[in-house]
Amino acid sequence: MEHVDSGGGDYRRVIMRDYWLSKLFFDLQNPAAAAEYRAGRDTVLARYPLKPEVRAAITADDVATLAPLVNAYLLRFYFLVAGMPEAEFLRRIRAGGKSAHG
């Protein structure tokens, strides 16, 4: 996490969004792209130059890792497209991304 001095010694956290993650999630709003993703996630992911840790978080359905990197609305939409039940997504968000079992 990067910190920026606003001039008065006041430090604010700066969250850097991940462009390629955001682009992937945005592109999946297209129904054909979403269907292709569900049919072959690795094929679609290969088209995006994602950082290894971001790709690993996608593969692991790691809500906590992905949440600070992308717009909240795109995050929620992505997990619905990926097939995560709404209740499970909400549990993970509320628990800081942990699964219901951990």
C-alpha atoms as a PDB file:
ATOM      1  CA  MET A   1       0.000   0.000   0.000  1.00  0.00           C
ATOM      2  CA  GLU A   2       1.332   3.401  -0.925  1.00  0.00           C
ATOM      3  CA  HIS A   3       1.078   6.417   1.385  1.00  0.00           C
ATOM      4  CA  VAL A   4       0.952  10.023   0.204  1.00  0.00           C
ATOM      5  CA  ASP A   5       1.824  13.055   2.336  1.00  0.00           C
ATOM      6  CA  SER A   6      -0.872  15.649   1.708  1.00  0.00           C
ATOM      7  CA  GLY A   7       1.468  18.420   2.829  1.00  0.00           C
ATOM      8  CA  GLY A   8       0.567  18.717   6.493  1.00  0.00           C
ATOM      9  CA  GLY A   9       2.057  15.451   7.648  1.00  0.00           C
ATOM     10  CA  ASP A  10      -1.345  13.834   7.145  1.00  0.00           C
ATOM     11  CA  TYR A  11      -0.937  10.508   5.396  1.00  0.00           C
ATOM     12  CA  ARG A  12      -3.743   9.011   3.373  1.00  0.00           C
ATOM     13  CA  ARG A  13      -3.820   5.510   1.987  1.00  0.00           C
ATOM     14  CA  VAL A  14      -3.879   5.343  -1.779  1.00  0.00           C
ATOM     15  CA  ILE A  15      -5.466   2.273  -3.294  1.00  0.00           C
ATOM     16  CA  MET A  16      -4.234   1.488  -6.756  1.00  0.00           C
ATOM     17  CA  ARG A  17      -6.807  -0.108  -9.012  1.00  0.00           C
ATOM     18  CA  ASP A  18      -5.607  -2.841 -11.346  1.00  0.00           C
ATOM     19  CA  TYR A  19      -6.403  -1.821 -14.933  1.00  0.00           C
ATOM     20  CA  TRP A  20      -6.355  -5.319 -16.453  1.00  0.00           C
ATOM     21  CA  LEU A  21      -8.457  -6.812 -13.677  1.00  0.00           C
ATOM     22  CA  SER A  22     -10.967  -4.002 -14.122  1.00  0.00           C
ATOM     23  CA  LYS A  23     -10.919  -4.513 -17.893  1.00  0.00           C
ATOM     24  CA  LEU A  24     -11.565  -8.241 -17.497  1.00  0.00           C
ATOM     25  CA  PHE A  25     -14.470  -7.665 -15.128  1.00  0.00           C
ATOM     26  CA  PHE A  26     -15.871  -4.924 -17.370  1.00  0.00           C
ATOM     27  CA  ASP A  27     -15.612  -7.118 -20.478  1.00  0.00           C
ATOM     28  CA  LEU A  28     -17.502  -9.918 -18.728  1.00  0.00           C
ATOM     29  CA  GLN A  29     -20.594  -7.709 -18.699  1.00  0.00           C
ATOM     30  CA  ASN A  30     -21.071  -8.850 -22.304  1.00  0.00           C
ATOM     31  CA  PRO A  31     -23.262 -11.991 -22.105  1.00  0.00           C
ATOM     32  CA  ALA A  32     -21.228 -13.804 -24.785  1.00  0.00           C
ATOM     33  CA  ALA A  33     -17.971 -13.054 -22.970  1.00  0.00           C
ATOM     34  CA  ALA A  34     -19.470 -14.212 -19.667  1.00  0.00           C
ATOM     35  CA  ALA A  35     -20.630 -17.480 -21.240  1.00  0.00           C
ATOM     36  CA  GLU A  36     -17.180 -18.045 -22.759  1.00  0.00           C
ATOM     37  CA  TYR A  37     -15.586 -17.354 -19.365  1.00  0.00           C
ATOM     38  CA  ARG A  38     -17.798 -19.873 -17.609  1.00  0.00           C
ATOM     39  CA  ALA A  39     -17.008 -22.450 -20.292  1.00  0.00           C
ATOM     40  CA  GLY A  40     -13.229 -21.930 -20.225  1.00  0.00           C
ATOM     41  CA  ARG A  41     -11.885 -19.517 -17.650  1.00  0.00           C
ATOM     42  CA  ASP A  42      -8.199 -20.146 -18.433  1.00  0.00           C
ATOM     43  CA  THR A  43      -8.676 -19.343 -22.125  1.00  0.00           C
ATOM     44  CA  VAL A  44     -10.236 -15.983 -21.318  1.00  0.00           C
ATOM     45  CA  LEU A  45      -7.720 -15.152 -18.563  1.00  0.00           C
ATOM     46  CA  ALA A  46      -4.847 -15.776 -20.996  1.00  0.00           C
ATOM     47  CA  ARG A  47      -5.972 -12.721 -22.993  1.00  0.00           C
ATOM     48  CA  TYR A  48      -5.245 -10.346 -20.117  1.00  0.00           C
ATOM     49  CA  PRO A  49      -1.733  -9.515 -18.860  1.00  0.00           C
ATOM     50  CA  LEU A  50      -2.670 -10.007 -15.219  1.00  0.00           C
ATOM     51  CA  LYS A  51      -0.069 -10.001 -12.467  1.00  0.00           C
ATOM     52  CA  PRO A  52       0.539 -13.557 -11.214  1.00  0.00           C
ATOM     53  CA  GLU A  53      -0.843 -12.738  -7.756  1.00  0.00           C
ATOM     54  CA  VAL A  54      -4.003 -11.248  -9.292  1.00  0.00           C
ATOM     55  CA  ARG A  55      -4.537 -14.269 -11.510  1.00  0.00           C
ATOM     56  CA  ALA A  56      -4.009 -16.562  -8.506  1.00  0.00           C
ATOM     57  CA  ALA A  57      -6.597 -14.566  -6.543  1.00  0.00           C
ATOM     58  CA  ILE A  58      -9.089 -14.938  -9.404  1.00  0.00           C
ATOM     59  CA  THR A  59      -8.482 -18.671  -9.597  1.00  0.00           C
ATOM     60  CA  ALA A  60      -8.888 -19.014  -5.811  1.00  0.00           C
ATOM     61  CA  ASP A  61     -12.029 -16.804  -5.692  1.00  0.00           C
ATOM     62  CA  ASP A  62     -10.121 -14.659  -3.186  1.00  0.00           C
ATOM     63  CA  VAL A  63     -12.563 -11.822  -2.605  1.00  0.00           C
ATOM     64  CA  ALA A  64     -10.336 -10.060  -0.039  1.00  0.00           C
ATOM     65  CA  THR A  65      -7.359  -9.806  -2.387  1.00  0.00           C
ATOM     66  CA  LEU A  66      -9.411  -8.646  -5.359  1.00  0.00           C
ATOM     67  CA  ALA A  67     -11.684  -6.185  -3.527  1.00  0.00           C
ATOM     68  CA  PRO A  68      -9.190  -3.290  -3.181  1.00  0.00           C
ATOM     69  CA  LEU A  69      -8.051  -3.676  -6.790  1.00  0.00           C
ATOM     70  CA  VAL A  70     -11.343  -3.101  -8.589  1.00  0.00           C
ATOM     71  CA  ASN A  71     -14.577  -1.111  -8.414  1.00  0.00           C
ATOM     72  CA  ALA A  72     -17.001  -2.696  -5.919  1.00  0.00           C
ATOM     73  CA  TYR A  73     -19.792  -2.991  -8.499  1.00  0.00           C
ATOM     74  CA  LEU A  74     -17.538  -4.801 -10.972  1.00  0.00           C
ATOM     75  CA  LEU A  75     -16.308  -7.090  -8.184  1.00  0.00           C
ATOM     76  CA  ARG A  76     -19.826  -8.092  -7.221  1.00  0.00           C
ATOM     77  CA  PHE A  77     -20.865  -8.580 -10.829  1.00  0.00           C
ATOM     78  CA  TYR A  78     -17.761 -10.697 -11.532  1.00  0.00           C
ATOM     79  CA  PHE A  79     -18.471 -13.128  -8.720  1.00  0.00           C
ATOM     80  CA  LEU A  80     -22.061 -13.515  -9.882  1.00  0.00           C
ATOM     81  CA  VAL A  81     -20.824 -14.252 -13.423  1.00  0.00           C
ATOM     82  CA  ALA A  82     -18.251 -16.686 -12.011  1.00  0.00           C
ATOM     83  CA  GLY A  83     -21.034 -18.577 -10.261  1.00  0.00           C
ATOM     84  CA  MET A  84     -20.500 -17.636  -6.619  1.00  0.00           C
ATOM     85  CA  PRO A  85     -23.844 -17.511  -4.832  1.00  0.00           C
ATOM     86  CA  GLU A  86     -24.802 -14.033  -3.663  1.00  0.00           C
ATOM     87  CA  ALA A  87     -24.989 -15.144  -0.016  1.00  0.00           C
ATOM     88  CA  GLU A  88     -21.446 -16.575  -0.165  1.00  0.00           C
ATOM     89  CA  PHE A  89     -20.089 -13.403  -1.790  1.00  0.00           C
ATOM     90  CA  LEU A  90     -21.677 -11.261   0.927  1.00  0.00           C
ATOM     91  CA  ARG A  91     -20.315 -13.554   3.669  1.00  0.00           C
ATOM     92  CA  ARG A  92     -16.816 -13.255   2.207  1.00  0.00           C
ATOM     93  CA  ILE A  93     -17.009  -9.464   1.879  1.00  0.00           C
ATOM     94  CA  ARG A  94     -18.241  -9.111   5.441  1.00  0.00           C
ATOM     95  CA  ALA A  95     -15.548 -11.493   6.727  1.00  0.00           C
ATOM     96  CA  GLY A  96     -12.763  -9.745   4.817  1.00  0.00           C
ATOM     97  CA  GLY A  97     -12.836 -12.325   2.049  1.00  0.00           C
ATOM     98  CA  LYS A  98     -12.601 -15.495   4.107  1.00  0.00           C
ATOM     99  CA  SER A  99     -14.728 -18.410   2.988  1.00  0.00           C
ATOM    100  CA  ALA A 100     -17.591 -19.574   5.167  1.00  0.00           C
ATOM    101  CA  HIS A 101     -15.312 -22.377   6.373  1.00  0.00           C
ATOM    102  CA  GLY A 102     -12.174 -20.414   7.091  1.00  0.00           C
END
